[in-house]
Every structure is written in structure tokens, then in C-alpha cells.
Amino acid sequence: MVKGPDFKILGILSKLAQNNVNKDVLETEIISLSGLSESEARDRLNELEWLHLAKEALPKASRAEFRLWNVTEKGLKELSGQDAG
């Protein structure tokens, strides 16, 4: 069960992706909305990736200088389970 800053970051990622596991989200957008420092937000994203709730997407050639993220099916289930509970 994800709590605190991890849950907040997962929620932001899911919202920006419109609950679509195939939609890439710019890391800078996640950081901007999180209210956390850049390093803290990146730590949270890495933690979510380790838990298989989010994953770093392969950058497209036009956006190679940016990090992109996707929410996973497991991440969406985690969010919906906590909304219900």
C-alpha cells in the first residue's frame, strides 16, 4: 500500500496520463505539480518504478533530453483500491 509522497506522485502521474498506461508524461510536469524538490520527486518516481507502479518510458527522438514516465496497470489498481478503501 503506497502512502504519503509516493501516493501523491502516483496520483499526479495518473491524472496527467488520464489513466492511460500508454500516455507519456514529462517528468518536469510531475515535479512541478508535486510541490516537492526535484531530487525528492525523482526519488519518489524511482521508488514507484521499483514497486512496478510506474515506469520510465523510452524517450522519443524529439524528446531525448527529457525523462518521460508512464503509470502502470498495477499503479492504476493501487490508486483505485485506495480510493475505494
PDB file of N, CA and C in Angstrom:
ATOM      1  N   MET A   1       0.841  -1.181   0.000  1.00  0.00           N
ATOM      2  CA  MET A   1       0.000   0.000   0.000  1.00  0.00           C
ATOM      3  C   MET A   1       0.887   1.245   0.000  1.00  0.00           C
ATOM      4  N   VAL A   2       0.716   2.060  -0.989  1.00  0.00           N
ATOM      5  CA  VAL A   2       1.512   3.273  -1.146  1.00  0.00           C
ATOM      6  C   VAL A   2       0.878   4.397  -0.336  1.00  0.00           C
ATOM      7  N   LYS A   3       1.726   5.166   0.353  1.00  0.00           N
ATOM      8  CA  LYS A   3       1.224   6.262   1.194  1.00  0.00           C
ATOM      9  C   LYS A   3       2.049   7.519   0.964  1.00  0.00           C
ATOM     10  N   GLY A   4       1.565   8.614   1.505  1.00  0.00           N
ATOM     11  CA  GLY A   4       2.297   9.870   1.549  1.00  0.00           C
ATOM     12  C   GLY A   4       2.745  10.388   0.196  1.00  0.00           C
ATOM     13  N   PRO A   5       4.024  10.824   0.120  1.00  0.00           N
ATOM     14  CA  PRO A   5       4.533  11.426  -1.114  1.00  0.00           C
ATOM     15  C   PRO A   5       4.476  10.483  -2.317  1.00  0.00           C
ATOM     16  N   ASP A   6       4.696   9.188  -2.087  1.00  0.00           N
ATOM     17  CA  ASP A   6       4.622   8.229  -3.195  1.00  0.00           C
ATOM     18  C   ASP A   6       3.219   8.196  -3.784  1.00  0.00           C
ATOM     19  N   PHE A   7       2.218   8.185  -2.912  1.00  0.00           N
ATOM     20  CA  PHE A   7       0.828   8.159  -3.379  1.00  0.00           C
ATOM     21  C   PHE A   7       0.494   9.445  -4.132  1.00  0.00           C
ATOM     22  N   LYS A   8       0.991  10.567  -3.627  1.00  0.00           N
ATOM     23  CA  LYS A   8       0.747  11.855  -4.281  1.00  0.00           C
ATOM     24  C   LYS A   8       1.355  11.867  -5.688  1.00  0.00           C
ATOM     25  N   ILE A   9       2.584  11.417  -5.814  1.00  0.00           N
ATOM     26  CA  ILE A   9       3.255  11.381  -7.119  1.00  0.00           C
ATOM     27  C   ILE A   9       2.528  10.425  -8.064  1.00  0.00           C
ATOM     28  N   LEU A  10       2.117   9.270  -7.561  1.00  0.00           N
ATOM     29  CA  LEU A  10       1.385   8.317  -8.390  1.00  0.00           C
ATOM     30  C   LEU A  10       0.072   8.924  -8.868  1.00  0.00           C
ATOM     31  N   GLY A  11      -0.615   9.640  -8.009  1.00  0.00           N
ATOM     32  CA  GLY A  11      -1.858  10.298  -8.386  1.00  0.00           C
ATOM     33  C   GLY A  11      -1.649  11.368  -9.449  1.00  0.00           C
ATOM     34  N   ILE A  12      -0.577  12.145  -9.305  1.00  0.00           N
ATOM     35  CA  ILE A  12      -0.256  13.176 -10.294  1.00  0.00           C
ATOM     36  C   ILE A  12       0.047  12.530 -11.639  1.00  0.00           C
ATOM     37  N   LEU A  13       0.868  11.497 -11.622  1.00  0.00           N
ATOM     38  CA  LEU A  13       1.216  10.797 -12.862  1.00  0.00           C
ATOM     39  C   LEU A  13      -0.024  10.234 -13.541  1.00  0.00           C
ATOM     40  N   SER A  14      -0.887   9.602 -12.770  1.00  0.00           N
ATOM     41  CA  SER A  14      -2.110   9.020 -13.308  1.00  0.00           C
ATOM     42  C   SER A  14      -3.022  10.092 -13.903  1.00  0.00           C
ATOM     43  N   LYS A  15      -3.158  11.205 -13.195  1.00  0.00           N
ATOM     44  CA  LYS A  15      -4.011  12.293 -13.678  1.00  0.00           C
ATOM     45  C   LYS A  15      -3.471  12.877 -14.981  1.00  0.00           C
ATOM     46  N   LEU A  16      -2.168  13.150 -15.025  1.00  0.00           N
ATOM     47  CA  LEU A  16      -1.569  13.707 -16.237  1.00  0.00           C
ATOM     48  C   LEU A  16      -1.654  12.738 -17.415  1.00  0.00           C
ATOM     49  N   ALA A  17      -1.594  11.457 -17.109  1.00  0.00           N
ATOM     50  CA  ALA A  17      -1.694  10.431 -18.155  1.00  0.00           C
ATOM     51  C   ALA A  17      -3.151  10.115 -18.494  1.00  0.00           C
ATOM     52  N   GLN A  18      -4.073  10.739 -17.791  1.00  0.00           N
ATOM     53  CA  GLN A  18      -5.506  10.500 -17.972  1.00  0.00           C
ATOM     54  C   GLN A  18      -5.833   9.007 -17.816  1.00  0.00           C
ATOM     55  N   ASN A  19      -5.189   8.390 -16.822  1.00  0.00           N
ATOM     56  CA  ASN A  19      -5.357   6.967 -16.509  1.00  0.00           C
ATOM     57  C   ASN A  19      -5.059   6.066 -17.700  1.00  0.00           C
ATOM     58  N   ASN A  20      -4.155   6.505 -18.561  1.00  0.00           N
ATOM     59  CA  ASN A  20      -3.795   5.753 -19.757  1.00  0.00           C
ATOM     60  C   ASN A  20      -2.351   5.280 -19.609  1.00  0.00           C
ATOM     61  N   VAL A  21      -2.147   3.969 -19.562  1.00  0.00           N
ATOM     62  CA  VAL A  21      -0.806   3.414 -19.362  1.00  0.00           C
ATOM     63  C   VAL A  21       0.114   3.661 -20.555  1.00  0.00           C
ATOM     64  N   ASN A  22      -0.444   4.038 -21.678  1.00  0.00           N
ATOM     65  CA  ASN A  22       0.363   4.274 -22.885  1.00  0.00           C
ATOM     66  C   ASN A  22       0.719   5.742 -23.096  1.00  0.00           C
ATOM     67  N   LYS A  23       0.217   6.621 -22.247  1.00  0.00           N
ATOM     68  CA  LYS A  23       0.475   8.052 -22.419  1.00  0.00           C
ATOM     69  C   LYS A  23       1.715   8.461 -21.634  1.00  0.00           C
ATOM     70  N   ASP A  24       2.675   9.054 -22.342  1.00  0.00           N
ATOM     71  CA  ASP A  24       3.902   9.530 -21.717  1.00  0.00           C
ATOM     72  C   ASP A  24       3.657  10.859 -21.018  1.00  0.00           C
ATOM     73  N   VAL A  25       4.263  11.012 -19.849  1.00  0.00           N
ATOM     74  CA  VAL A  25       4.149  12.238 -19.068  1.00  0.00           C
ATOM     75  C   VAL A  25       5.551  12.769 -18.811  1.00  0.00           C
ATOM     76  N   LEU A  26       5.748  14.045 -19.079  1.00  0.00           N
ATOM     77  CA  LEU A  26       7.049  14.668 -18.827  1.00  0.00           C
ATOM     78  C   LEU A  26       7.342  14.716 -17.330  1.00  0.00           C
ATOM     79  N   GLU A  27       8.530  14.302 -16.971  1.00  0.00           N
ATOM     80  CA  GLU A  27       8.944  14.327 -15.572  1.00  0.00           C
ATOM     81  C   GLU A  27       8.847  15.735 -14.996  1.00  0.00           C
ATOM     82  N   THR A  28       9.175  16.741 -15.789  1.00  0.00           N
ATOM     83  CA  THR A  28       9.137  18.121 -15.297  1.00  0.00           C
ATOM     84  C   THR A  28       7.724  18.539 -14.892  1.00  0.00           C
ATOM     85  N   GLU A  29       6.711  18.017 -15.576  1.00  0.00           N
ATOM     86  CA  GLU A  29       5.325  18.325 -15.199  1.00  0.00           C
ATOM     87  C   GLU A  29       4.983  17.702 -13.852  1.00  0.00           C
ATOM     88  N   ILE A  30       5.412  16.474 -13.651  1.00  0.00           N
ATOM     89  CA  ILE A  30       5.161  15.772 -12.384  1.00  0.00           C
ATOM     90  C   ILE A  30       5.822  16.531 -11.239  1.00  0.00           C
ATOM     91  N   ILE A  31       7.086  16.907 -11.439  1.00  0.00           N
ATOM     92  CA  ILE A  31       7.832  17.621 -10.406  1.00  0.00           C
ATOM     93  C   ILE A  31       7.155  18.955 -10.088  1.00  0.00           C
ATOM     94  N   SER A  32       6.756  19.665 -11.117  1.00  0.00           N
ATOM     95  CA  SER A  32       6.123  20.977 -10.941  1.00  0.00           C
ATOM     96  C   SER A  32       4.851  20.893 -10.104  1.00  0.00           C
ATOM     97  N   LEU A  33       4.042  19.892 -10.358  1.00  0.00           N
ATOM     98  CA  LEU A  33       2.771  19.754  -9.642  1.00  0.00           C
ATOM     99  C   LEU A  33       2.913  19.131  -8.253  1.00  0.00           C
ATOM    100  N   SER A  34       4.033  18.470  -8.012  1.00  0.00           N
ATOM    101  CA  SER A  34       4.188  17.728  -6.755  1.00  0.00           C
ATOM    102  C   SER A  34       4.422  18.621  -5.541  1.00  0.00           C
ATOM    103  N   GLY A  35       5.031  19.785  -5.750  1.00  0.00           N
ATOM    104  CA  GLY A  35       5.387  20.631  -4.616  1.00  0.00           C
ATOM    105  C   GLY A  35       6.617  20.134  -3.877  1.00  0.00           C
ATOM    106  N   LEU A  36       7.252  19.090  -4.403  1.00  0.00           N
ATOM    107  CA  LEU A  36       8.467  18.538  -3.806  1.00  0.00           C
ATOM    108  C   LEU A  36       9.682  19.088  -4.541  1.00  0.00           C
ATOM    109  N   SER A  37      10.840  18.962  -3.921  1.00  0.00           N
ATOM    110  CA  SER A  37      12.070  19.336  -4.621  1.00  0.00           C
ATOM    111  C   SER A  37      12.272  18.367  -5.786  1.00  0.00           C
ATOM    112  N   GLU A  38      13.067  18.784  -6.728  1.00  0.00           N
ATOM    113  CA  GLU A  38      13.336  17.943  -7.899  1.00  0.00           C
ATOM    114  C   GLU A  38      13.918  16.593  -7.482  1.00  0.00           C
ATOM    115  N   SER A  39      14.871  16.606  -6.572  1.00  0.00           N
ATOM    116  CA  SER A  39      15.501  15.349  -6.147  1.00  0.00           C
ATOM    117  C   SER A  39      14.523  14.456  -5.391  1.00  0.00           C
ATOM    118  N   GLU A  40      13.683  15.047  -4.547  1.00  0.00           N
ATOM    119  CA  GLU A  40      12.687  14.262  -3.798  1.00  0.00           C
ATOM    120  C   GLU A  40      11.663  13.651  -4.747  1.00  0.00           C
ATOM    121  N   ALA A  41      11.185  14.433  -5.711  1.00  0.00           N
ATOM    122  CA  ALA A  41      10.209  13.912  -6.670  1.00  0.00           C
ATOM    123  C   ALA A  41      10.819  12.778  -7.493  1.00  0.00           C
ATOM    124  N   ARG A  42      12.063  12.937  -7.900  1.00  0.00           N
ATOM    125  CA  ARG A  42      12.733  11.860  -8.661  1.00  0.00           C
ATOM    126  C   ARG A  42      12.905  10.614  -7.801  1.00  0.00           C
ATOM    127  N   ASP A  43      13.234  10.804  -6.535  1.00  0.00           N
ATOM    128  CA  ASP A  43      13.344   9.656  -5.621  1.00  0.00           C
ATOM    129  C   ASP A  43      12.002   8.920  -5.528  1.00  0.00           C
ATOM    130  N   ARG A  44      10.916   9.672  -5.429  1.00  0.00           N
ATOM    131  CA  ARG A  44       9.576   9.073  -5.343  1.00  0.00           C
ATOM    132  C   ARG A  44       9.244   8.319  -6.636  1.00  0.00           C
ATOM    133  N   LEU A  45       9.556   8.904  -7.793  1.00  0.00           N
ATOM    134  CA  LEU A  45       9.321   8.227  -9.075  1.00  0.00           C
ATOM    135  C   LEU A  45      10.129   6.933  -9.166  1.00  0.00           C
ATOM    136  N   ASN A  46      11.376   6.986  -8.716  1.00  0.00           N
ATOM    137  CA  ASN A  46      12.211   5.779  -8.730  1.00  0.00           C
ATOM    138  C   ASN A  46      11.659   4.708  -7.793  1.00  0.00           C
ATOM    139  N   GLU A  47      11.133   5.128  -6.642  1.00  0.00           N
ATOM    140  CA  GLU A  47      10.503   4.191  -5.709  1.00  0.00           C
ATOM    141  C   GLU A  47       9.271   3.545  -6.346  1.00  0.00           C
ATOM    142  N   LEU A  48       8.459   4.354  -7.020  1.00  0.00           N
ATOM    143  CA  LEU A  48       7.274   3.817  -7.701  1.00  0.00           C
ATOM    144  C   LEU A  48       7.668   2.856  -8.814  1.00  0.00           C
ATOM    145  N   GLU A  49       8.758   3.152  -9.494  1.00  0.00           N
ATOM    146  CA  GLU A  49       9.227   2.241 -10.540  1.00  0.00           C
ATOM    147  C   GLU A  49       9.684   0.923  -9.926  1.00  0.00           C
ATOM    148  N   TRP A  50      10.385   0.997  -8.807  1.00  0.00           N
ATOM    149  CA  TRP A  50      10.842  -0.209  -8.121  1.00  0.00           C
ATOM    150  C   TRP A  50       9.651  -1.078  -7.696  1.00  0.00           C
ATOM    151  N   LEU A  51       8.549  -0.435  -7.326  1.00  0.00           N
ATOM    152  CA  LEU A  51       7.335  -1.148  -6.918  1.00  0.00           C
ATOM    153  C   LEU A  51       6.468  -1.561  -8.115  1.00  0.00           C
ATOM    154  N   HIS A  52       6.919  -1.255  -9.328  1.00  0.00           N
ATOM    155  CA  HIS A  52       6.196  -1.557 -10.579  1.00  0.00           C
ATOM    156  C   HIS A  52       4.866  -0.829 -10.681  1.00  0.00           C
ATOM    157  N   LEU A  53       4.782   0.356 -10.071  1.00  0.00           N
ATOM    158  CA  LEU A  53       3.572   1.173 -10.137  1.00  0.00           C
ATOM    159  C   LEU A  53       3.692   2.263 -11.204  1.00  0.00           C
ATOM    160  N   ALA A  54       4.918   2.528 -11.623  1.00  0.00           N
ATOM    161  CA  ALA A  54       5.204   3.494 -12.684  1.00  0.00           C
ATOM    162  C   ALA A  54       6.436   2.981 -13.408  1.00  0.00           C
ATOM    163  N   LYS A  55       6.637   3.486 -14.616  1.00  0.00           N
ATOM    164  CA  LYS A  55       7.847   3.097 -15.334  1.00  0.00           C
ATOM    165  C   LYS A  55       8.345   4.271 -16.158  1.00  0.00           C
ATOM    166  N   GLU A  56       9.658   4.327 -16.281  1.00  0.00           N
ATOM    167  CA  GLU A  56      10.245   5.351 -17.137  1.00  0.00           C
ATOM    168  C   GLU A  56      10.070   4.897 -18.576  1.00  0.00           C
ATOM    169  N   ALA A  57       9.540   5.781 -19.391  1.00  0.00           N
ATOM    170  CA  ALA A  57       9.301   5.472 -20.797  1.00  0.00           C
ATOM    171  C   ALA A  57      10.571   5.726 -21.603  1.00  0.00           C
ATOM    172  N   LEU A  58      10.672   5.031 -22.699  1.00  0.00           N
ATOM    173  CA  LEU A  58      11.776   5.299 -23.612  1.00  0.00           C
ATOM    174  C   LEU A  58      11.492   6.608 -24.328  1.00  0.00           C
ATOM    175  N   PRO A  59      12.420   7.534 -24.288  1.00  0.00           N
ATOM    176  CA  PRO A  59      12.159   8.835 -24.913  1.00  0.00           C
ATOM    177  C   PRO A  59      12.090   8.733 -26.434  1.00  0.00           C
ATOM    178  N   LYS A  60      11.224   9.524 -27.000  1.00  0.00           N
ATOM    179  CA  LYS A  60      11.154   9.636 -28.448  1.00  0.00           C
ATOM    180  C   LYS A  60      12.337  10.493 -28.887  1.00  0.00           C
ATOM    181  N   ALA A  61      12.764  10.327 -30.102  1.00  0.00           N
ATOM    182  CA  ALA A  61      13.947  11.054 -30.594  1.00  0.00           C
ATOM    183  C   ALA A  61      13.812  12.560 -30.391  1.00  0.00           C
ATOM    184  N   SER A  62      12.623  13.091 -30.573  1.00  0.00           N
ATOM    185  CA  SER A  62      12.427  14.535 -30.429  1.00  0.00           C
ATOM    186  C   SER A  62      12.470  15.006 -28.978  1.00  0.00           C
ATOM    187  N   ARG A  63      12.361  14.090 -28.040  1.00  0.00           N
ATOM    188  CA  ARG A  63      12.346  14.452 -26.616  1.00  0.00           C
ATOM    189  C   ARG A  63      13.429  13.719 -25.842  1.00  0.00           C
ATOM    190  N   ALA A  64      14.496  13.372 -26.492  1.00  0.00           N
ATOM    191  CA  ALA A  64      15.546  12.569 -25.862  1.00  0.00           C
ATOM    192  C   ALA A  64      16.151  13.245 -24.634  1.00  0.00           C
ATOM    193  N   GLU A  65      16.073  14.573 -24.561  1.00  0.00           N
ATOM    194  CA  GLU A  65      16.661  15.284 -23.426  1.00  0.00           C
ATOM    195  C   GLU A  65      15.735  15.303 -22.209  1.00  0.00           C
ATOM    196  N   PHE A  66      14.515  14.807 -22.347  1.00  0.00           N
ATOM    197  CA  PHE A  66      13.546  14.791 -21.254  1.00  0.00           C
ATOM    198  C   PHE A  66      13.286  13.370 -20.787  1.00  0.00           C
ATOM    199  N   ARG A  67      13.001  13.229 -19.502  1.00  0.00           N
ATOM    200  CA  ARG A  67      12.592  11.925 -18.974  1.00  0.00           C
ATOM    201  C   ARG A  67      11.074  11.851 -19.021  1.00  0.00           C
ATOM    202  N   LEU A  68      10.574  10.744 -19.502  1.00  0.00           N
ATOM    203  CA  LEU A  68       9.137  10.511 -19.612  1.00  0.00           C
ATOM    204  C   LEU A  68       8.748   9.349 -18.723  1.00  0.00           C
ATOM    205  N   TRP A  69       7.531   9.402 -18.189  1.00  0.00           N
ATOM    206  CA  TRP A  69       7.037   8.360 -17.294  1.00  0.00           C
ATOM    207  C   TRP A  69       5.656   7.898 -17.727  1.00  0.00           C
ATOM    208  N   ASN A  70       5.341   6.636 -17.388  1.00  0.00           N
ATOM    209  CA  ASN A  70       4.017   6.065 -17.596  1.00  0.00           C
ATOM    210  C   ASN A  70       3.548   5.462 -16.282  1.00  0.00           C
ATOM    211  N   VAL A  71       2.257   5.558 -16.031  1.00  0.00           N
ATOM    212  CA  VAL A  71       1.658   4.816 -14.928  1.00  0.00           C
ATOM    213  C   VAL A  71       1.460   3.391 -15.440  1.00  0.00           C
ATOM    214  N   THR A  72       1.540   2.397 -14.569  1.00  0.00           N
ATOM    215  CA  THR A  72       1.329   1.007 -14.971  1.00  0.00           C
ATOM    216  C   THR A  72      -0.077   0.558 -14.567  1.00  0.00           C
ATOM    217  N   GLU A  73      -0.490  -0.585 -15.093  1.00  0.00           N
ATOM    218  CA  GLU A  73      -1.782  -1.167 -14.690  1.00  0.00           C
ATOM    219  C   GLU A  73      -1.810  -1.387 -13.178  1.00  0.00           C
ATOM    220  N   LYS A  74      -0.688  -1.862 -12.636  1.00  0.00           N
ATOM    221  CA  LYS A  74      -0.606  -2.088 -11.194  1.00  0.00           C
ATOM    222  C   LYS A  74      -0.764  -0.765 -10.435  1.00  0.00           C
ATOM    223  N   GLY A  75      -0.193   0.304 -10.983  1.00  0.00           N
ATOM    224  CA  GLY A  75      -0.329   1.617 -10.363  1.00  0.00           C
ATOM    225  C   GLY A  75      -1.758   2.104 -10.362  1.00  0.00           C
ATOM    226  N   LEU A  76      -2.460   1.903 -11.481  1.00  0.00           N
ATOM    227  CA  LEU A  76      -3.878   2.290 -11.554  1.00  0.00           C
ATOM    228  C   LEU A  76      -4.716   1.493 -10.559  1.00  0.00           C
ATOM    229  N   LYS A  77      -4.408   0.202 -10.419  1.00  0.00           N
ATOM    230  CA  LYS A  77      -5.141  -0.638  -9.454  1.00  0.00           C
ATOM    231  C   LYS A  77      -4.866  -0.180  -8.027  1.00  0.00           C
ATOM    232  N   GLU A  78      -3.626   0.204  -7.758  1.00  0.00           N
ATOM    233  CA  GLU A  78      -3.268   0.704  -6.423  1.00  0.00           C
ATOM    234  C   GLU A  78      -4.067   1.957  -6.100  1.00  0.00           C
ATOM    235  N   LEU A  79      -4.162   2.865  -7.061  1.00  0.00           N
ATOM    236  CA  LEU A  79      -4.928   4.102  -6.851  1.00  0.00           C
ATOM    237  C   LEU A  79      -6.413   3.810  -6.657  1.00  0.00           C
ATOM    238  N   SER A  80      -6.983   2.961  -7.481  1.00  0.00           N
ATOM    239  CA  SER A  80      -8.409   2.671  -7.374  1.00  0.00           C
ATOM    240  C   SER A  80      -8.726   1.902  -6.103  1.00  0.00           C
ATOM    241  N   GLY A  81      -7.821   1.068  -5.650  1.00  0.00           N
ATOM    242  CA  GLY A  81      -8.015   0.344  -4.404  1.00  0.00           C
ATOM    243  C   GLY A  81      -7.998   1.251  -3.193  1.00  0.00           C
ATOM    244  N   GLN A  82      -7.162   2.272  -3.214  1.00  0.00           N
ATOM    245  CA  GLN A  82      -7.101   3.202  -2.097  1.00  0.00           C
ATOM    246  C   GLN A  82      -8.245   4.196  -2.145  1.00  0.00           C
ATOM    247  N   ASP A  83      -8.743   4.503  -3.346  1.00  0.00           N
ATOM    248  CA  ASP A  83      -9.911   5.365  -3.432  1.00  0.00           C
ATOM    249  C   ASP A  83     -11.128   4.692  -2.817  1.00  0.00           C
ATOM    250  N   ALA A  84     -11.229   3.370  -3.030  1.00  0.00           N
ATOM    251  CA  ALA A  84     -12.371   2.616  -2.513  1.00  0.00           C
ATOM    252  C   ALA A  84     -12.247   2.356  -1.020  1.00  0.00           C
ATOM    253  N   GLY A  85     -10.999   2.299  -0.540  1.00  0.00           N
ATOM    254  CA  GLY A  85     -10.793   1.935   0.862  1.00  0.00           C
ATOM    255  C   GLY A  85     -10.666   3.112   1.680  1.00  0.00           C
TER     256      GLY A  85
END
